[in-house]
Amino acid sequence: MENASENFLLVSSISKDVDIIMGTLYAILGVLSVLGNGTLLLVAYRKKSSLKPAEFFVVNLAISDLGMTVTLFPFAISSSYAHMWLFYRSTCIVYAFCGVLFGLCSLSNLTVLSCVCWLKVCCPNYGNKFSYYHAYMLVVGVWCYSGVFAVGPLSGWGEYGAEPYGTACCINWHAPSQNSVAMSYIICLFFFCYIVPCTVIFLSYTFIWLTVWGSRQAVQQHVAPQNKIANAHTLIVKMSVAVCIGFLTAWSPYAIVSMWAAFGNPATVPPMAFAIAAIFAKSSTLYNPIVYLVFKPNFRKFLCRDV
């Protein structure tokens, strides 16, 4: 059988010691992600009959995060420890496809979830009509939306290739400087899968905060009825802020470095910058279970009961 390294040679462009550190970090993140998202899905399955429509997005987020962990982390860990990409070119393409698909699915899911939260808090007359059918359709829409950008490079719109640090694969960020079609893909990807989601999430949670603050002021003198409303709204705000911080912390470094390579001179981007940004991006798989473990009392109670 032909050796993988003979078929597709990718040697790491960062030091072996750093690769070992990266492999260890990936291993830790991978274990925590499987445990966290697996636990969240287990609890969701146990309480499936009482899941609310909006919670479908939490479940979908756990599925996409777990999908990213299972399809990417084993390859990234083994290649980091080996100081080179250990697998075939076809595996590299599949790896990149899964990374884009599950990554965009998670980001799109957070965006839709922010809109649903906005609808339920700021427009309760419409939010109360949000049904299981609406949730199902939006979840399908999230996967279709992400699938368009993931399939693009496979059909010639954009290109998949090796990451600059050499032990993983993703979108070829060097291609836009040589190919106008690849440049159009990167522009659409950056706008529709980063600028738009960031803007929608920021505006949604800003309006939620303003609504919660306004409602507190309006019922300030009615202490008793206020408590239940205040607690529910405070929970929403806390989770909203946590998701926003997680989103920006995880994906902004990678988006910035990627745009630097795509729109600037790729040769000036240090491979280590991509490596660090990739770790931040992959850490996003932990935020969903952490947020629900910290801020969702019902989740913790159900988990303790199962244990």
C-alpha atoms as a PDB file:
ATOM      1  CA  MET A   1       0.000   0.000   0.000  1.00  0.00           C
ATOM      2  CA  GLU A   2       1.334   3.445  -0.897  1.00  0.00           C
ATOM      3  CA  ASN A   3       2.663   5.409   2.027  1.00  0.00           C
ATOM      4  CA  ALA A   4       0.618   8.482   2.940  1.00  0.00           C
ATOM      5  CA  SER A   5       3.650  10.721   3.164  1.00  0.00           C
ATOM      6  CA  GLU A   6       4.722   9.691  -0.384  1.00  0.00           C
ATOM      7  CA  ASN A   7       1.248  10.491  -1.672  1.00  0.00           C
ATOM      8  CA  PHE A   8       0.889  13.889  -0.033  1.00  0.00           C
ATOM      9  CA  LEU A   9       3.904  15.317   1.766  1.00  0.00           C
ATOM     10  CA  LEU A  10       3.135  18.046   4.297  1.00  0.00           C
ATOM     11  CA  VAL A  11       5.808  18.816   6.872  1.00  0.00           C
ATOM     12  CA  SER A  12       5.126  21.132   9.771  1.00  0.00           C
ATOM     13  CA  SER A  13       6.494  24.646   9.442  1.00  0.00           C
ATOM     14  CA  ILE A  14       6.632  25.242  13.196  1.00  0.00           C
ATOM     15  CA  SER A  15       8.970  23.688  15.733  1.00  0.00           C
ATOM     16  CA  LYS A  16       8.469  20.137  16.958  1.00  0.00           C
ATOM     17  CA  ASP A  17       8.142  21.302  20.564  1.00  0.00           C
ATOM     18  CA  VAL A  18       5.312  23.656  19.610  1.00  0.00           C
ATOM     19  CA  ASP A  19       3.649  20.858  17.646  1.00  0.00           C
ATOM     20  CA  ILE A  20       3.742  18.621  20.718  1.00  0.00           C
ATOM     21  CA  ILE A  21       2.166  21.399  22.792  1.00  0.00           C
ATOM     22  CA  MET A  22      -0.515  21.868  20.130  1.00  0.00           C
ATOM     23  CA  GLY A  23      -1.196  18.142  20.001  1.00  0.00           C
ATOM     24  CA  THR A  24      -1.586  18.056  23.772  1.00  0.00           C
ATOM     25  CA  LEU A  25      -3.947  21.046  23.740  1.00  0.00           C
ATOM     26  CA  TYR A  26      -6.010  19.435  20.989  1.00  0.00           C
ATOM     27  CA  ALA A  27      -6.188  16.217  23.006  1.00  0.00           C
ATOM     28  CA  ILE A  28      -7.401  18.063  26.114  1.00  0.00           C
ATOM     29  CA  LEU A  29      -9.919  20.120  24.144  1.00  0.00           C
ATOM     30  CA  GLY A  30     -11.101  17.014  22.325  1.00  0.00           C
ATOM     31  CA  VAL A  31     -11.732  15.009  25.491  1.00  0.00           C
ATOM     32  CA  LEU A  32     -13.534  17.907  27.163  1.00  0.00           C
ATOM     33  CA  SER A  33     -15.605  18.563  24.046  1.00  0.00           C
ATOM     34  CA  VAL A  34     -16.713  14.938  23.717  1.00  0.00           C
ATOM     35  CA  LEU A  35     -17.603  14.771  27.404  1.00  0.00           C
ATOM     36  CA  GLY A  36     -19.351  18.141  27.471  1.00  0.00           C
ATOM     37  CA  ASN A  37     -21.314  17.892  24.228  1.00  0.00           C
ATOM     38  CA  GLY A  38     -21.965  14.192  24.739  1.00  0.00           C
ATOM     39  CA  THR A  39     -23.415  14.926  28.177  1.00  0.00           C
ATOM     40  CA  LEU A  40     -25.532  17.746  26.792  1.00  0.00           C
ATOM     41  CA  LEU A  41     -26.924  15.472  24.071  1.00  0.00           C
ATOM     42  CA  LEU A  42     -27.587  12.721  26.618  1.00  0.00           C
ATOM     43  CA  VAL A  43     -29.562  15.083  28.818  1.00  0.00           C
ATOM     44  CA  ALA A  44     -31.422  16.440  25.781  1.00  0.00           C
ATOM     45  CA  TYR A  45     -32.316  12.883  24.753  1.00  0.00           C
ATOM     46  CA  ARG A  46     -33.538  12.023  28.254  1.00  0.00           C
ATOM     47  CA  LYS A  47     -35.760  15.117  28.369  1.00  0.00           C
ATOM     48  CA  LYS A  48     -36.693  15.130  24.657  1.00  0.00           C
ATOM     49  CA  SER A  49     -40.404  15.154  25.422  1.00  0.00           C
ATOM     50  CA  SER A  50     -40.047  18.437  27.326  1.00  0.00           C
ATOM     51  CA  LEU A  51     -37.618  20.221  25.007  1.00  0.00           C
ATOM     52  CA  LYS A  52     -38.763  23.671  23.936  1.00  0.00           C
ATOM     53  CA  PRO A  53     -38.486  24.704  20.262  1.00  0.00           C
ATOM     54  CA  ALA A  54     -35.674  27.173  21.006  1.00  0.00           C
ATOM     55  CA  GLU A  55     -33.682  24.400  22.698  1.00  0.00           C
ATOM     56  CA  PHE A  56     -33.455  22.558  19.393  1.00  0.00           C
ATOM     57  CA  PHE A  57     -30.731  25.018  18.432  1.00  0.00           C
ATOM     58  CA  VAL A  58     -28.779  24.140  21.559  1.00  0.00           C
ATOM     59  CA  VAL A  59     -29.004  20.460  20.608  1.00  0.00           C
ATOM     60  CA  ASN A  60     -28.047  21.236  17.007  1.00  0.00           C
ATOM     61  CA  LEU A  61     -25.078  23.261  18.227  1.00  0.00           C
ATOM     62  CA  ALA A  62     -23.930  20.316  20.352  1.00  0.00           C
ATOM     63  CA  ILE A  63     -24.230  18.011  17.308  1.00  0.00           C
ATOM     64  CA  SER A  64     -22.157  20.300  15.081  1.00  0.00           C
ATOM     65  CA  ASP A  65     -19.549  20.853  17.808  1.00  0.00           C
ATOM     66  CA  LEU A  66     -19.309  17.127  18.459  1.00  0.00           C
ATOM     67  CA  GLY A  67     -19.087  16.499  14.712  1.00  0.00           C
ATOM     68  CA  MET A  68     -16.159  18.889  14.457  1.00  0.00           C
ATOM     69  CA  THR A  69     -14.433  17.237  17.396  1.00  0.00           C
ATOM     70  CA  VAL A  70     -14.829  13.679  16.093  1.00  0.00           C
ATOM     71  CA  THR A  71     -13.856  14.431  12.473  1.00  0.00           C
ATOM     72  CA  LEU A  72     -10.973  16.856  13.052  1.00  0.00           C
ATOM     73  CA  PHE A  73      -9.292  16.318  16.384  1.00  0.00           C
ATOM     74  CA  PRO A  74      -7.967  12.746  15.898  1.00  0.00           C
ATOM     75  CA  PHE A  75      -6.184  13.781  12.672  1.00  0.00           C
ATOM     76  CA  ALA A  76      -4.906  17.049  14.153  1.00  0.00           C
ATOM     77  CA  ILE A  77      -3.598  15.351  17.300  1.00  0.00           C
ATOM     78  CA  SER A  78      -1.736  12.542  15.530  1.00  0.00           C
ATOM     79  CA  SER A  79      -0.287  14.874  12.883  1.00  0.00           C
ATOM     80  CA  SER A  80       0.864  17.391  15.488  1.00  0.00           C
ATOM     81  CA  TYR A  81       2.723  14.721  17.430  1.00  0.00           C
ATOM     82  CA  ALA A  82       4.241  13.384  14.184  1.00  0.00           C
ATOM     83  CA  HIS A  83       5.328  16.908  13.142  1.00  0.00           C
ATOM     84  CA  MET A  84       3.711  16.368   9.724  1.00  0.00           C
ATOM     85  CA  TRP A  85       0.406  15.556   8.037  1.00  0.00           C
ATOM     86  CA  LEU A  86       0.144  11.766   8.191  1.00  0.00           C
ATOM     87  CA  PHE A  87      -2.669  11.145   5.754  1.00  0.00           C
ATOM     88  CA  TYR A  88      -3.608  11.265   2.073  1.00  0.00           C
ATOM     89  CA  ARG A  89      -4.562  14.329   0.081  1.00  0.00           C
ATOM     90  CA  SER A  90      -8.161  13.077  -0.110  1.00  0.00           C
ATOM     91  CA  THR A  91      -8.210  12.909   3.688  1.00  0.00           C
ATOM     92  CA  CYS A  92      -6.949  16.493   3.770  1.00  0.00           C
ATOM     93  CA  ILE A  93      -9.871  17.590   1.572  1.00  0.00           C
ATOM     94  CA  VAL A  94     -12.423  15.729   3.693  1.00  0.00           C
ATOM     95  CA  TYR A  95     -10.850  17.179   6.845  1.00  0.00           C
ATOM     96  CA  ALA A  96     -11.133  20.707   5.432  1.00  0.00           C
ATOM     97  CA  PHE A  97     -14.714  20.109   4.261  1.00  0.00           C
ATOM     98  CA  CYS A  98     -15.781  18.874   7.719  1.00  0.00           C
ATOM     99  CA  GLY A  99     -14.047  21.793   9.401  1.00  0.00           C
ATOM    100  CA  VAL A 100     -15.862  24.341   7.230  1.00  0.00           C
ATOM    101  CA  LEU A 101     -19.221  22.535   7.399  1.00  0.00           C
ATOM    102  CA  PHE A 102     -19.335  22.027  11.168  1.00  0.00           C
ATOM    103  CA  GLY A 103     -17.675  25.359  11.932  1.00  0.00           C
ATOM    104  CA  LEU A 104     -20.121  27.352   9.807  1.00  0.00           C
ATOM    105  CA  CYS A 105     -23.017  25.298  11.124  1.00  0.00           C
ATOM    106  CA  SER A 106     -22.094  26.241  14.694  1.00  0.00           C
ATOM    107  CA  LEU A 107     -21.738  29.937  13.810  1.00  0.00           C
ATOM    108  CA  SER A 108     -24.978  29.976  11.795  1.00  0.00           C
ATOM    109  CA  ASN A 109     -26.746  28.156  14.608  1.00  0.00           C
ATOM    110  CA  LEU A 110     -25.642  30.788  17.131  1.00  0.00           C
ATOM    111  CA  THR A 111     -26.871  33.485  14.780  1.00  0.00           C
ATOM    112  CA  VAL A 112     -30.313  31.929  14.390  1.00  0.00           C
ATOM    113  CA  LEU A 113     -30.486  31.307  18.136  1.00  0.00           C
ATOM    114  CA  SER A 114     -29.800  34.993  18.807  1.00  0.00           C
ATOM    115  CA  CYS A 115     -32.657  35.906  16.449  1.00  0.00           C
ATOM    116  CA  VAL A 116     -35.015  33.504  18.219  1.00  0.00           C
ATOM    117  CA  CYS A 117     -34.032  34.964  21.599  1.00  0.00           C
ATOM    118  CA  TRP A 118     -34.647  38.455  20.222  1.00  0.00           C
ATOM    119  CA  LEU A 119     -38.044  37.396  18.906  1.00  0.00           C
ATOM    120  CA  LYS A 120     -39.141  35.845  22.193  1.00  0.00           C
ATOM    121  CA  VAL A 121     -37.911  38.693  24.401  1.00  0.00           C
ATOM    122  CA  CYS A 122     -38.467  41.774  22.242  1.00  0.00           C
ATOM    123  CA  CYS A 123     -41.482  40.647  20.220  1.00  0.00           C
ATOM    124  CA  PRO A 124     -43.349  38.247  22.546  1.00  0.00           C
ATOM    125  CA  ASN A 125     -46.555  38.385  20.484  1.00  0.00           C
ATOM    126  CA  TYR A 126     -44.661  36.729  17.644  1.00  0.00           C
ATOM    127  CA  GLY A 127     -42.160  34.882  19.811  1.00  0.00           C
ATOM    128  CA  ASN A 128     -44.931  32.980  21.604  1.00  0.00           C
ATOM    129  CA  LYS A 129     -46.030  31.615  18.232  1.00  0.00           C
ATOM    130  CA  PHE A 130     -42.603  30.114  17.559  1.00  0.00           C
ATOM    131  CA  SER A 131     -43.324  26.406  17.112  1.00  0.00           C
ATOM    132  CA  TYR A 132     -41.525  23.098  16.721  1.00  0.00           C
ATOM    133  CA  TYR A 133     -42.120  23.307  12.971  1.00  0.00           C
ATOM    134  CA  HIS A 134     -40.357  26.688  12.826  1.00  0.00           C
ATOM    135  CA  ALA A 135     -37.442  25.267  14.806  1.00  0.00           C
ATOM    136  CA  TYR A 136     -37.153  22.210  12.532  1.00  0.00           C
ATOM    137  CA  MET A 137     -37.161  24.360   9.400  1.00  0.00           C
ATOM    138  CA  LEU A 138     -34.541  26.748  10.764  1.00  0.00           C
ATOM    139  CA  VAL A 139     -32.265  23.873  11.796  1.00  0.00           C
ATOM    140  CA  VAL A 140     -32.511  22.455   8.272  1.00  0.00           C
ATOM    141  CA  GLY A 141     -31.824  25.944   6.923  1.00  0.00           C
ATOM    142  CA  VAL A 142     -28.693  26.232   9.057  1.00  0.00           C
ATOM    143  CA  TRP A 143     -27.259  23.015   7.610  1.00  0.00           C
ATOM    144  CA  CYS A 144     -28.171  23.993   4.039  1.00  0.00           C
ATOM    145  CA  TYR A 145     -26.630  27.447   4.455  1.00  0.00           C
ATOM    146  CA  SER A 146     -23.417  25.968   5.834  1.00  0.00           C
ATOM    147  CA  GLY A 147     -23.417  23.251   3.187  1.00  0.00           C
ATOM    148  CA  VAL A 148     -23.369  25.798   0.354  1.00  0.00           C
ATOM    149  CA  PHE A 149     -20.068  27.272   1.546  1.00  0.00           C
ATOM    150  CA  ALA A 150     -18.609  23.872   2.451  1.00  0.00           C
ATOM    151  CA  VAL A 151     -19.389  22.356  -0.960  1.00  0.00           C
ATOM    152  CA  GLY A 152     -18.141  25.466  -2.815  1.00  0.00           C
ATOM    153  CA  PRO A 153     -14.419  24.517  -2.856  1.00  0.00           C
ATOM    154  CA  LEU A 154     -15.312  20.979  -3.947  1.00  0.00           C
ATOM    155  CA  SER A 155     -17.087  22.360  -7.016  1.00  0.00           C
ATOM    156  CA  GLY A 156     -14.371  24.818  -8.027  1.00  0.00           C
ATOM    157  CA  TRP A 157     -15.581  27.871  -6.131  1.00  0.00           C
ATOM    158  CA  GLY A 158     -12.673  28.354  -3.764  1.00  0.00           C
ATOM    159  CA  GLU A 159     -10.108  25.737  -2.889  1.00  0.00           C
ATOM    160  CA  TYR A 160      -9.199  23.445   0.002  1.00  0.00           C
ATOM    161  CA  GLY A 161      -5.576  22.899   0.942  1.00  0.00           C
ATOM    162  CA  ALA A 162      -3.025  22.676   3.733  1.00  0.00           C
ATOM    163  CA  GLU A 163      -2.942  25.089   6.628  1.00  0.00           C
ATOM    164  CA  PRO A 164       0.231  27.244   6.582  1.00  0.00           C
ATOM    165  CA  TYR A 165       1.563  25.471   9.694  1.00  0.00           C
ATOM    166  CA  GLY A 166       1.444  22.118   7.887  1.00  0.00           C
ATOM    167  CA  THR A 167      -0.366  19.688  10.208  1.00  0.00           C
ATOM    168  CA  ALA A 168      -3.985  20.392   9.257  1.00  0.00           C
ATOM    169  CA  CYS A 169      -6.120  21.408   6.283  1.00  0.00           C
ATOM    170  CA  CYS A 170      -8.700  24.073   5.617  1.00  0.00           C
ATOM    171  CA  ILE A 171      -9.492  26.659   2.936  1.00  0.00           C
ATOM    172  CA  ASN A 172      -6.469  27.568   0.826  1.00  0.00           C
ATOM    173  CA  TRP A 173      -5.915  31.155   1.915  1.00  0.00           C
ATOM    174  CA  HIS A 174      -3.162  31.646  -0.670  1.00  0.00           C
ATOM    175  CA  ALA A 175      -5.467  30.915  -3.626  1.00  0.00           C
ATOM    176  CA  PRO A 176      -7.229  34.337  -3.688  1.00  0.00           C
ATOM    177  CA  SER A 177      -3.966  36.069  -4.617  1.00  0.00           C
ATOM    178  CA  GLN A 178      -3.741  33.855  -7.720  1.00  0.00           C
ATOM    179  CA  ASN A 179      -7.375  33.196  -8.637  1.00  0.00           C
ATOM    180  CA  SER A 180     -10.288  35.646  -8.928  1.00  0.00           C
ATOM    181  CA  VAL A 181     -12.855  32.872  -8.421  1.00  0.00           C
ATOM    182  CA  ALA A 182     -11.188  31.904  -5.146  1.00  0.00           C
ATOM    183  CA  MET A 183     -11.164  35.588  -4.168  1.00  0.00           C
ATOM    184  CA  SER A 184     -14.924  35.847  -4.767  1.00  0.00           C
ATOM    185  CA  TYR A 185     -15.444  32.816  -2.518  1.00  0.00           C
ATOM    186  CA  ILE A 186     -13.356  34.327   0.282  1.00  0.00           C
ATOM    187  CA  ILE A 187     -15.199  37.654   0.035  1.00  0.00           C
ATOM    188  CA  CYS A 188     -18.602  35.931   0.225  1.00  0.00           C
ATOM    189  CA  LEU A 189     -17.395  33.681   3.041  1.00  0.00           C
ATOM    190  CA  PHE A 190     -16.056  36.604   5.055  1.00  0.00           C
ATOM    191  CA  PHE A 191     -19.171  38.711   4.545  1.00  0.00           C
ATOM    192  CA  PHE A 192     -21.950  36.122   4.878  1.00  0.00           C
ATOM    193  CA  CYS A 193     -20.264  33.848   7.429  1.00  0.00           C
ATOM    194  CA  TYR A 194     -18.510  36.375   9.661  1.00  0.00           C
ATOM    195  CA  ILE A 195     -19.631  39.990   9.185  1.00  0.00           C
ATOM    196  CA  VAL A 196     -23.344  39.150   8.924  1.00  0.00           C
ATOM    197  CA  PRO A 197     -23.400  36.691  11.877  1.00  0.00           C
ATOM    198  CA  CYS A 198     -21.392  39.086  14.084  1.00  0.00           C
ATOM    199  CA  THR A 199     -23.714  41.962  13.213  1.00  0.00           C
ATOM    200  CA  VAL A 200     -26.904  39.960  13.751  1.00  0.00           C
ATOM    201  CA  ILE A 201     -25.705  38.532  17.066  1.00  0.00           C
ATOM    202  CA  PHE A 202     -24.547  41.932  18.319  1.00  0.00           C
ATOM    203  CA  LEU A 203     -27.796  43.672  17.346  1.00  0.00           C
ATOM    204  CA  SER A 204     -30.006  40.870  18.671  1.00  0.00           C
ATOM    205  CA  TYR A 205     -28.428  40.818  22.095  1.00  0.00           C
ATOM    206  CA  THR A 206     -28.196  44.618  22.227  1.00  0.00           C
ATOM    207  CA  PHE A 207     -31.950  44.845  21.672  1.00  0.00           C
ATOM    208  CA  ILE A 208     -32.495  42.074  24.241  1.00  0.00           C
ATOM    209  CA  TRP A 209     -30.461  44.003  26.805  1.00  0.00           C
ATOM    210  CA  LEU A 210     -32.358  47.222  26.071  1.00  0.00           C
ATOM    211  CA  THR A 211     -35.690  45.430  26.378  1.00  0.00           C
ATOM    212  CA  VAL A 212     -34.751  43.767  29.666  1.00  0.00           C
ATOM    213  CA  TRP A 213     -33.426  47.055  31.060  1.00  0.00           C
ATOM    214  CA  GLY A 214     -36.579  48.873  29.957  1.00  0.00           C
ATOM    215  CA  SER A 215     -38.891  46.265  31.473  1.00  0.00           C
ATOM    216  CA  ARG A 216     -37.053  46.488  34.786  1.00  0.00           C
ATOM    217  CA  GLN A 217     -37.510  50.229  34.836  1.00  0.00           C
ATOM    218  CA  ALA A 218     -41.177  49.943  33.918  1.00  0.00           C
ATOM    219  CA  VAL A 219     -42.061  47.538  36.742  1.00  0.00           C
ATOM    220  CA  GLN A 220     -39.575  48.791  39.313  1.00  0.00           C
ATOM    221  CA  GLN A 221     -42.303  49.556  41.859  1.00  0.00           C
ATOM    222  CA  HIS A 222     -43.943  46.139  41.541  1.00  0.00           C
ATOM    223  CA  VAL A 223     -41.398  44.037  43.387  1.00  0.00           C
ATOM    224  CA  ALA A 224     -43.298  40.781  43.678  1.00  0.00           C
ATOM    225  CA  PRO A 225     -44.271  40.333  40.031  1.00  0.00           C
ATOM    226  CA  GLN A 226     -40.834  41.593  39.074  1.00  0.00           C
ATOM    227  CA  ASN A 227     -38.873  38.752  40.600  1.00  0.00           C
ATOM    228  CA  LYS A 228     -39.875  35.991  38.216  1.00  0.00           C
ATOM    229  CA  ILE A 229     -39.577  38.210  35.139  1.00  0.00           C
ATOM    230  CA  ALA A 230     -36.255  39.618  36.284  1.00  0.00           C
ATOM    231  CA  ASN A 231     -34.808  36.169  36.934  1.00  0.00           C
ATOM    232  CA  ALA A 232     -35.847  34.867  33.520  1.00  0.00           C
ATOM    233  CA  HIS A 233     -34.564  37.947  31.728  1.00  0.00           C
ATOM    234  CA  THR A 234     -31.318  37.976  33.682  1.00  0.00           C
ATOM    235  CA  LEU A 235     -30.716  34.351  32.687  1.00  0.00           C
ATOM    236  CA  ILE A 236     -31.257  35.202  29.029  1.00  0.00           C
ATOM    237  CA  VAL A 237     -28.891  38.171  29.214  1.00  0.00           C
ATOM    238  CA  LYS A 238     -26.169  36.138  30.941  1.00  0.00           C
ATOM    239  CA  MET A 239     -26.347  33.356  28.372  1.00  0.00           C
ATOM    240  CA  SER A 240     -26.461  35.899  25.551  1.00  0.00           C
ATOM    241  CA  VAL A 241     -23.335  37.671  26.759  1.00  0.00           C
ATOM    242  CA  ALA A 242     -21.553  34.357  27.309  1.00  0.00           C
ATOM    243  CA  VAL A 243     -22.363  33.152  23.789  1.00  0.00           C
ATOM    244  CA  CYS A 244     -21.252  36.472  22.267  1.00  0.00           C
ATOM    245  CA  ILE A 245     -17.949  36.413  24.114  1.00  0.00           C
ATOM    246  CA  GLY A 246     -17.361  32.781  23.180  1.00  0.00           C
ATOM    247  CA  PHE A 247     -18.178  33.445  19.532  1.00  0.00           C
ATOM    248  CA  LEU A 248     -15.874  36.447  19.226  1.00  0.00           C
ATOM    249  CA  THR A 249     -13.065  34.902  21.268  1.00  0.00           C
ATOM    250  CA  ALA A 250     -13.067  31.661  19.303  1.00  0.00           C
ATOM    251  CA  TRP A 251     -13.470  32.804  15.725  1.00  0.00           C
ATOM    252  CA  SER A 252     -12.225  36.380  15.474  1.00  0.00           C
ATOM    253  CA  PRO A 253      -8.484  35.522  15.655  1.00  0.00           C
ATOM    254  CA  TYR A 254      -8.842  32.981  12.842  1.00  0.00           C
ATOM    255  CA  ALA A 255     -10.975  35.361  10.758  1.00  0.00           C
ATOM    256  CA  ILE A 256      -8.432  38.162  11.166  1.00  0.00           C
ATOM    257  CA  VAL A 257      -5.431  35.990  10.283  1.00  0.00           C
ATOM    258  CA  SER A 258      -7.284  34.436   7.343  1.00  0.00           C
ATOM    259  CA  MET A 259      -8.266  37.800   5.908  1.00  0.00           C
ATOM    260  CA  TRP A 260      -4.687  38.975   6.372  1.00  0.00           C
ATOM    261  CA  ALA A 261      -3.515  36.072   4.224  1.00  0.00           C
ATOM    262  CA  ALA A 262      -6.330  36.327   1.672  1.00  0.00           C
ATOM    263  CA  PHE A 263      -6.267  40.078   1.063  1.00  0.00           C
ATOM    264  CA  GLY A 264      -2.622  40.790   1.868  1.00  0.00           C
ATOM    265  CA  ASN A 265       0.623  39.027   1.153  1.00  0.00           C
ATOM    266  CA  PRO A 266       0.283  35.416   2.390  1.00  0.00           C
ATOM    267  CA  ALA A 267       4.060  35.131   2.763  1.00  0.00           C
ATOM    268  CA  THR A 268       4.020  37.777   5.515  1.00  0.00           C
ATOM    269  CA  VAL A 269       1.639  35.790   7.741  1.00  0.00           C
ATOM    270  CA  PRO A 270       3.575  33.733  10.318  1.00  0.00           C
ATOM    271  CA  PRO A 271       2.479  30.058  10.355  1.00  0.00           C
ATOM    272  CA  MET A 272       2.394  30.312  14.140  1.00  0.00           C
ATOM    273  CA  ALA A 273      -0.357  32.942  13.856  1.00  0.00           C
ATOM    274  CA  PHE A 274      -2.526  30.434  11.994  1.00  0.00           C
ATOM    275  CA  ALA A 275      -1.680  27.690  14.487  1.00  0.00           C
ATOM    276  CA  ILE A 276      -2.723  29.754  17.518  1.00  0.00           C
ATOM    277  CA  ALA A 277      -5.846  31.027  15.764  1.00  0.00           C
ATOM    278  CA  ALA A 278      -6.826  27.446  14.864  1.00  0.00           C
ATOM    279  CA  ILE A 279      -6.613  26.384  18.511  1.00  0.00           C
ATOM    280  CA  PHE A 280      -8.890  29.270  19.520  1.00  0.00           C
ATOM    281  CA  ALA A 281     -11.368  28.346  16.774  1.00  0.00           C
ATOM    282  CA  LYS A 282     -11.474  24.681  17.789  1.00  0.00           C
ATOM    283  CA  SER A 283     -11.962  25.667  21.440  1.00  0.00           C
ATOM    284  CA  SER A 284     -15.419  26.933  20.412  1.00  0.00           C
ATOM    285  CA  THR A 285     -16.654  23.341  20.730  1.00  0.00           C
ATOM    286  CA  LEU A 286     -16.498  23.734  24.526  1.00  0.00           C
ATOM    287  CA  TYR A 287     -18.536  26.917  24.975  1.00  0.00           C
ATOM    288  CA  ASN A 288     -22.015  25.474  24.444  1.00  0.00           C
ATOM    289  CA  PRO A 289     -21.876  22.832  27.225  1.00  0.00           C
ATOM    290  CA  ILE A 290     -20.006  25.228  29.541  1.00  0.00           C
ATOM    291  CA  VAL A 291     -22.638  27.947  29.146  1.00  0.00           C
ATOM    292  CA  TYR A 292     -25.472  25.540  29.863  1.00  0.00           C
ATOM    293  CA  LEU A 293     -23.703  23.918  32.801  1.00  0.00           C
ATOM    294  CA  VAL A 294     -23.018  27.319  34.394  1.00  0.00           C
ATOM    295  CA  PHE A 295     -26.198  29.236  33.578  1.00  0.00           C
ATOM    296  CA  LYS A 296     -28.948  26.623  33.168  1.00  0.00           C
ATOM    297  CA  PRO A 297     -30.222  25.380  36.545  1.00  0.00           C
ATOM    298  CA  ASN A 298     -32.650  22.939  34.895  1.00  0.00           C
ATOM    299  CA  PHE A 299     -29.785  21.405  32.926  1.00  0.00           C
ATOM    300  CA  ARG A 300     -27.737  20.860  36.087  1.00  0.00           C
ATOM    301  CA  LYS A 301     -30.700  19.393  37.971  1.00  0.00           C
ATOM    302  CA  PHE A 302     -31.480  16.963  35.164  1.00  0.00           C
ATOM    303  CA  LEU A 303     -27.817  15.992  34.884  1.00  0.00           C
ATOM    304  CA  CYS A 304     -27.535  15.322  38.626  1.00  0.00           C
ATOM    305  CA  ARG A 305     -30.707  13.238  38.510  1.00  0.00           C
ATOM    306  CA  ASP A 306     -29.309  11.121  35.654  1.00  0.00           C
ATOM    307  CA  VAL A 307     -26.023  10.614  37.478  1.00  0.00           C
END
